[in-house]
Amino acid sequence: MPEAAKPVAMLGLIERLDHVRAAGLDPARGHRVHQSRLAQLAREAGRTTVQHVAGYERQRRHATLVAVALDLAASLTDQAVDLFDRLIAAEPTSGMPAPSRPTAAPSTRRSISTPVSVPL
């Protein structure tokens, strides 16, 4: 979900990410299962109702909830990084001095076709 590039949006993303991480799930749990299986579990949970997930057997319900939490944490992290990039890009530069470029003195400038002698 796109957020406006404002600092308050970043604070909201950070709060949501902290809330998901407060569940205490170790991200390494996701490395024990193939990534496509985790993605499949998270997609399935997104298409089903809470009542349907509650009817799953204990291990499948636990695996589904862990997959959703890990997917949500990754998604929120990606959104925060994208929002940070947009915040930095939108930062006004009017108060900053223009970068200085070193230039050659007018008398020493040469065109491309001017031969250059190299001392041996």
N, C-alpha and C. Protein backbone atom coordinates (compact mmCIF):
# COMPACT_ATOMS: atom_id res chain seq x y z
N MET A 1 0.84 -1.17 0.00
CA MET A 1 0.00 0.00 0.00
C MET A 1 0.89 1.23 0.00
N PRO A 2 0.75 2.09 -1.00
CA PRO A 2 1.60 3.27 -1.08
C PRO A 2 1.26 4.27 0.03
N GLU A 3 2.26 4.85 0.58
CA GLU A 3 2.11 5.86 1.63
C GLU A 3 2.61 7.20 1.09
N ALA A 4 2.05 8.27 1.63
CA ALA A 4 2.54 9.59 1.27
C ALA A 4 3.96 9.73 1.81
N ALA A 5 4.81 10.39 1.07
CA ALA A 5 6.21 10.53 1.48
C ALA A 5 6.32 11.63 2.53
N LYS A 6 5.86 11.31 3.73
CA LYS A 6 5.92 12.24 4.85
C LYS A 6 6.48 11.50 6.06
N PRO A 7 7.16 12.21 6.94
CA PRO A 7 7.74 11.56 8.12
C PRO A 7 6.72 10.82 8.97
N VAL A 8 5.49 11.32 9.06
CA VAL A 8 4.47 10.66 9.87
C VAL A 8 4.12 9.29 9.28
N ALA A 9 4.19 9.14 7.98
CA ALA A 9 3.94 7.84 7.34
C ALA A 9 5.05 6.85 7.73
N MET A 10 6.28 7.33 7.80
CA MET A 10 7.39 6.48 8.21
C MET A 10 7.20 6.02 9.66
N LEU A 11 6.76 6.92 10.51
CA LEU A 11 6.51 6.55 11.91
C LEU A 11 5.43 5.48 12.00
N GLY A 12 4.39 5.60 11.18
CA GLY A 12 3.33 4.60 11.17
C GLY A 12 3.85 3.23 10.73
N LEU A 13 4.69 3.21 9.69
CA LEU A 13 5.27 1.94 9.24
C LEU A 13 6.15 1.32 10.31
N ILE A 14 6.94 2.15 10.97
CA ILE A 14 7.82 1.64 12.03
C ILE A 14 7.00 1.08 13.19
N GLU A 15 5.89 1.74 13.55
CA GLU A 15 5.04 1.23 14.62
C GLU A 15 4.44 -0.12 14.25
N ARG A 16 3.96 -0.25 13.01
CA ARG A 16 3.39 -1.53 12.58
C ARG A 16 4.44 -2.62 12.56
N LEU A 17 5.64 -2.27 12.09
CA LEU A 17 6.72 -3.26 12.07
C LEU A 17 7.11 -3.68 13.49
N ASP A 18 7.18 -2.73 14.40
CA ASP A 18 7.47 -3.06 15.80
C ASP A 18 6.40 -3.97 16.39
N HIS A 19 5.15 -3.72 16.02
CA HIS A 19 4.04 -4.54 16.52
C HIS A 19 4.18 -5.98 16.02
N VAL A 20 4.52 -6.16 14.75
CA VAL A 20 4.69 -7.50 14.20
C VAL A 20 5.89 -8.18 14.83
N ARG A 21 6.97 -7.45 15.01
CA ARG A 21 8.18 -8.03 15.61
C ARG A 21 8.00 -8.34 17.09
N ALA A 22 7.04 -7.67 17.75
CA ALA A 22 6.79 -7.91 19.17
C ALA A 22 6.22 -9.31 19.41
N ALA A 23 5.76 -9.96 18.35
CA ALA A 23 5.25 -11.33 18.49
C ALA A 23 6.37 -12.28 18.89
N GLY A 24 7.62 -11.88 18.67
CA GLY A 24 8.77 -12.66 19.12
C GLY A 24 9.14 -13.81 18.21
N LEU A 25 8.70 -13.76 16.96
CA LEU A 25 9.06 -14.82 16.02
C LEU A 25 10.48 -14.60 15.52
N ASP A 26 11.25 -15.65 15.56
CA ASP A 26 12.62 -15.60 15.07
C ASP A 26 12.58 -15.67 13.54
N PRO A 27 13.12 -14.68 12.83
CA PRO A 27 13.11 -14.72 11.36
C PRO A 27 13.81 -15.95 10.79
N ALA A 28 14.67 -16.58 11.58
CA ALA A 28 15.36 -17.78 11.10
C ALA A 28 14.40 -18.95 10.91
N ARG A 29 13.23 -18.88 11.54
CA ARG A 29 12.23 -19.94 11.35
C ARG A 29 11.85 -20.07 9.89
N GLY A 30 11.85 -18.96 9.19
CA GLY A 30 11.50 -18.99 7.78
C GLY A 30 12.52 -19.69 6.91
N HIS A 31 13.75 -19.82 7.40
CA HIS A 31 14.80 -20.47 6.63
C HIS A 31 14.72 -22.00 6.69
N ARG A 32 13.92 -22.50 7.62
CA ARG A 32 13.78 -23.95 7.75
C ARG A 32 12.80 -24.53 6.73
N VAL A 33 12.00 -23.65 6.12
CA VAL A 33 10.98 -24.07 5.16
C VAL A 33 11.30 -23.42 3.82
N HIS A 34 11.02 -24.11 2.74
CA HIS A 34 11.29 -23.57 1.41
C HIS A 34 10.49 -22.28 1.22
N GLN A 35 11.13 -21.30 0.60
CA GLN A 35 10.51 -19.98 0.44
C GLN A 35 9.19 -20.03 -0.32
N SER A 36 9.11 -20.89 -1.33
CA SER A 36 7.86 -20.96 -2.10
C SER A 36 6.73 -21.54 -1.24
N ARG A 37 7.06 -22.44 -0.31
CA ARG A 37 6.04 -22.99 0.58
C ARG A 37 5.56 -21.93 1.56
N LEU A 38 6.47 -21.12 2.08
CA LEU A 38 6.07 -20.02 2.96
C LEU A 38 5.18 -19.04 2.23
N ALA A 39 5.55 -18.70 1.00
CA ALA A 39 4.74 -17.78 0.21
C ALA A 39 3.35 -18.36 -0.06
N GLN A 40 3.30 -19.65 -0.33
CA GLN A 40 2.03 -20.32 -0.58
C GLN A 40 1.14 -20.27 0.67
N LEU A 41 1.71 -20.55 1.83
CA LEU A 41 0.95 -20.49 3.08
C LEU A 41 0.40 -19.08 3.33
N ALA A 42 1.24 -18.08 3.08
CA ALA A 42 0.81 -16.69 3.31
C ALA A 42 -0.30 -16.31 2.32
N ARG A 43 -0.18 -16.74 1.06
CA ARG A 43 -1.23 -16.44 0.06
C ARG A 43 -2.54 -17.11 0.44
N GLU A 44 -2.46 -18.37 0.84
CA GLU A 44 -3.66 -19.10 1.24
C GLU A 44 -4.35 -18.41 2.41
N ALA A 45 -3.58 -17.98 3.39
CA ALA A 45 -4.15 -17.31 4.55
C ALA A 45 -4.80 -15.99 4.16
N GLY A 46 -4.24 -15.33 3.16
CA GLY A 46 -4.82 -14.07 2.70
C GLY A 46 -6.16 -14.25 2.00
N ARG A 47 -6.40 -15.46 1.48
CA ARG A 47 -7.65 -15.72 0.76
C ARG A 47 -8.71 -16.38 1.62
N THR A 48 -8.35 -16.78 2.83
CA THR A 48 -9.31 -17.49 3.68
C THR A 48 -9.75 -16.61 4.83
N THR A 49 -10.83 -17.00 5.47
CA THR A 49 -11.33 -16.25 6.62
C THR A 49 -10.62 -16.73 7.89
N VAL A 50 -10.74 -15.93 8.91
CA VAL A 50 -10.15 -16.29 10.20
C VAL A 50 -10.80 -17.56 10.74
N GLN A 51 -12.09 -17.69 10.53
CA GLN A 51 -12.80 -18.87 11.00
C GLN A 51 -12.29 -20.13 10.31
N HIS A 52 -11.98 -20.02 9.04
CA HIS A 52 -11.46 -21.15 8.29
C HIS A 52 -10.07 -21.55 8.81
N VAL A 53 -9.21 -20.55 9.04
CA VAL A 53 -7.87 -20.83 9.58
C VAL A 53 -7.99 -21.43 10.98
N ALA A 54 -8.96 -20.99 11.76
CA ALA A 54 -9.15 -21.53 13.11
C ALA A 54 -9.51 -23.02 13.06
N GLY A 55 -10.09 -23.45 11.95
CA GLY A 55 -10.45 -24.86 11.81
C GLY A 55 -9.30 -25.75 11.39
N TYR A 56 -8.16 -25.17 11.04
CA TYR A 56 -6.99 -25.98 10.66
C TYR A 56 -6.51 -26.78 11.86
N GLU A 57 -5.82 -27.87 11.59
CA GLU A 57 -5.18 -28.59 12.69
C GLU A 57 -4.09 -27.70 13.27
N ARG A 58 -3.72 -27.99 14.49
CA ARG A 58 -2.83 -27.10 15.26
C ARG A 58 -1.54 -26.75 14.52
N GLN A 59 -0.84 -27.74 13.98
CA GLN A 59 0.45 -27.47 13.32
C GLN A 59 0.27 -26.63 12.06
N ARG A 60 -0.76 -26.91 11.28
CA ARG A 60 -0.97 -26.14 10.06
C ARG A 60 -1.36 -24.71 10.39
N ARG A 61 -2.20 -24.54 11.40
CA ARG A 61 -2.60 -23.19 11.81
C ARG A 61 -1.38 -22.40 12.28
N HIS A 62 -0.52 -23.04 13.07
CA HIS A 62 0.69 -22.38 13.57
C HIS A 62 1.60 -22.02 12.40
N ALA A 63 1.80 -22.94 11.48
CA ALA A 63 2.66 -22.67 10.32
C ALA A 63 2.10 -21.54 9.47
N THR A 64 0.78 -21.51 9.32
CA THR A 64 0.14 -20.46 8.52
C THR A 64 0.33 -19.10 9.18
N LEU A 65 0.13 -19.03 10.48
CA LEU A 65 0.27 -17.75 11.18
C LEU A 65 1.73 -17.27 11.18
N VAL A 66 2.66 -18.18 11.32
CA VAL A 66 4.08 -17.80 11.25
C VAL A 66 4.42 -17.30 9.85
N ALA A 67 3.92 -17.97 8.82
CA ALA A 67 4.18 -17.55 7.44
C ALA A 67 3.62 -16.16 7.20
N VAL A 68 2.41 -15.89 7.69
CA VAL A 68 1.80 -14.56 7.51
C VAL A 68 2.61 -13.50 8.24
N ALA A 69 3.03 -13.79 9.47
CA ALA A 69 3.80 -12.81 10.25
C ALA A 69 5.15 -12.52 9.58
N LEU A 70 5.84 -13.54 9.10
CA LEU A 70 7.13 -13.33 8.44
C LEU A 70 6.95 -12.56 7.14
N ASP A 71 5.89 -12.88 6.39
CA ASP A 71 5.61 -12.18 5.14
C ASP A 71 5.27 -10.72 5.42
N LEU A 72 4.48 -10.48 6.45
CA LEU A 72 4.10 -9.11 6.80
C LEU A 72 5.32 -8.30 7.24
N ALA A 73 6.20 -8.91 8.03
CA ALA A 73 7.41 -8.21 8.47
C ALA A 73 8.29 -7.84 7.28
N ALA A 74 8.44 -8.76 6.33
CA ALA A 74 9.25 -8.48 5.14
C ALA A 74 8.60 -7.38 4.30
N SER A 75 7.29 -7.45 4.15
CA SER A 75 6.57 -6.45 3.36
C SER A 75 6.68 -5.06 3.99
N LEU A 76 6.49 -4.98 5.30
CA LEU A 76 6.60 -3.69 5.99
C LEU A 76 8.01 -3.13 5.91
N THR A 77 9.01 -4.00 6.00
CA THR A 77 10.41 -3.55 5.87
C THR A 77 10.66 -2.99 4.48
N ASP A 78 10.17 -3.68 3.45
CA ASP A 78 10.33 -3.18 2.08
C ASP A 78 9.63 -1.84 1.89
N GLN A 79 8.43 -1.71 2.45
CA GLN A 79 7.71 -0.44 2.35
C GLN A 79 8.45 0.69 3.05
N ALA A 80 9.05 0.38 4.21
CA ALA A 80 9.80 1.41 4.95
C ALA A 80 11.03 1.85 4.16
N VAL A 81 11.72 0.92 3.52
CA VAL A 81 12.90 1.27 2.72
C VAL A 81 12.48 2.13 1.52
N ASP A 82 11.39 1.74 0.85
CA ASP A 82 10.90 2.53 -0.28
C ASP A 82 10.48 3.92 0.15
N LEU A 83 9.78 4.01 1.27
CA LEU A 83 9.35 5.31 1.76
C LEU A 83 10.55 6.17 2.15
N PHE A 84 11.56 5.56 2.75
CA PHE A 84 12.78 6.30 3.10
C PHE A 84 13.43 6.88 1.84
N ASP A 85 13.51 6.06 0.79
CA ASP A 85 14.09 6.55 -0.47
C ASP A 85 13.31 7.74 -1.00
N ARG A 86 11.97 7.66 -0.93
CA ARG A 86 11.15 8.78 -1.43
C ARG A 86 11.30 10.01 -0.54
N LEU A 87 11.43 9.80 0.77
CA LEU A 87 11.63 10.94 1.67
C LEU A 87 12.95 11.66 1.37
N ILE A 88 13.99 10.90 1.14
CA ILE A 88 15.29 11.50 0.83
C ILE A 88 15.24 12.21 -0.51
N ALA A 89 14.58 11.61 -1.49
CA ALA A 89 14.49 12.23 -2.81
C ALA A 89 13.68 13.52 -2.77
N ALA A 90 12.71 13.59 -1.87
CA ALA A 90 11.85 14.77 -1.78
C ALA A 90 12.45 15.86 -0.90
N GLU A 91 13.56 15.59 -0.26
CA GLU A 91 14.20 16.55 0.63
C GLU A 91 14.58 17.80 -0.16
N PRO A 92 14.17 18.97 0.33
CA PRO A 92 14.50 20.19 -0.42
C PRO A 92 16.00 20.46 -0.41
N THR A 93 16.48 20.91 -1.52
CA THR A 93 17.91 21.21 -1.64
C THR A 93 18.15 22.70 -1.83
N SER A 94 17.11 23.54 -1.65
CA SER A 94 17.26 24.97 -1.92
C SER A 94 18.23 25.65 -0.96
N GLY A 95 18.37 25.17 0.26
CA GLY A 95 19.26 25.80 1.21
C GLY A 95 20.69 25.35 1.09
N MET A 96 20.94 24.39 0.24
CA MET A 96 22.29 23.85 0.12
C MET A 96 23.03 24.57 -1.01
N PRO A 97 24.31 24.83 -0.83
CA PRO A 97 25.06 25.46 -1.92
C PRO A 97 25.23 24.49 -3.09
N ALA A 98 25.32 25.07 -4.27
CA ALA A 98 25.52 24.25 -5.46
C ALA A 98 26.90 23.59 -5.39
N PRO A 99 27.00 22.35 -5.81
CA PRO A 99 28.31 21.69 -5.76
C PRO A 99 29.27 22.39 -6.72
N SER A 100 30.48 22.58 -6.24
CA SER A 100 31.47 23.26 -7.09
C SER A 100 32.18 22.23 -7.95
N ARG A 101 32.41 22.61 -9.18
CA ARG A 101 33.12 21.74 -10.11
C ARG A 101 34.46 22.35 -10.43
N PRO A 102 35.50 21.57 -10.38
CA PRO A 102 36.79 22.14 -10.77
C PRO A 102 36.80 22.36 -12.29
N THR A 103 37.20 23.56 -12.67
CA THR A 103 37.29 23.87 -14.10
C THR A 103 38.70 24.35 -14.41
N ALA A 104 39.08 24.12 -15.61
CA ALA A 104 40.41 24.58 -16.05
C ALA A 104 40.34 26.07 -16.34
N ALA A 105 41.48 26.71 -16.20
CA ALA A 105 41.55 28.13 -16.53
C ALA A 105 41.25 28.30 -18.02
N PRO A 106 40.63 29.41 -18.41
CA PRO A 106 40.25 29.58 -19.82
C PRO A 106 41.42 29.45 -20.79
N SER A 107 42.62 29.85 -20.39
CA SER A 107 43.75 29.80 -21.32
C SER A 107 44.27 28.38 -21.54
N THR A 108 43.97 27.47 -20.65
CA THR A 108 44.50 26.11 -20.79
C THR A 108 43.47 25.12 -21.35
N ARG A 109 42.28 25.59 -21.65
CA ARG A 109 41.28 24.70 -22.23
C ARG A 109 41.67 24.31 -23.64
N ARG A 110 41.39 23.08 -23.98
CA ARG A 110 41.71 22.59 -25.32
C ARG A 110 40.49 21.91 -25.90
N SER A 111 40.37 21.98 -27.15
CA SER A 111 39.29 21.26 -27.81
C SER A 111 39.76 19.84 -28.09
N ILE A 112 38.84 19.05 -28.52
CA ILE A 112 39.16 17.63 -28.80
C ILE A 112 40.19 17.52 -29.94
N SER A 113 40.11 18.43 -30.89
CA SER A 113 41.01 18.31 -32.05
C SER A 113 42.39 18.92 -31.83
N THR A 114 42.62 19.57 -30.67
CA THR A 114 43.92 20.17 -30.40
C THR A 114 44.91 19.06 -30.05
N PRO A 115 46.06 19.01 -30.78
CA PRO A 115 47.05 17.98 -30.45
C PRO A 115 47.71 18.26 -29.11
N VAL A 116 48.03 17.21 -28.42
CA VAL A 116 48.66 17.31 -27.12
C VAL A 116 50.02 16.65 -27.23
N SER A 117 51.05 17.38 -26.74
CA SER A 117 52.39 16.78 -26.79
C SER A 117 52.67 16.12 -25.44
N VAL A 118 53.20 14.94 -25.49
CA VAL A 118 53.53 14.19 -24.28
C VAL A 118 55.05 14.11 -24.20
N PRO A 119 55.66 14.67 -23.11
CA PRO A 119 57.11 14.61 -22.97
C PRO A 119 57.57 13.16 -22.72
N LEU A 120 58.65 12.78 -23.37
CA LEU A 120 59.21 11.44 -23.20
C LEU A 120 60.41 11.44 -22.33
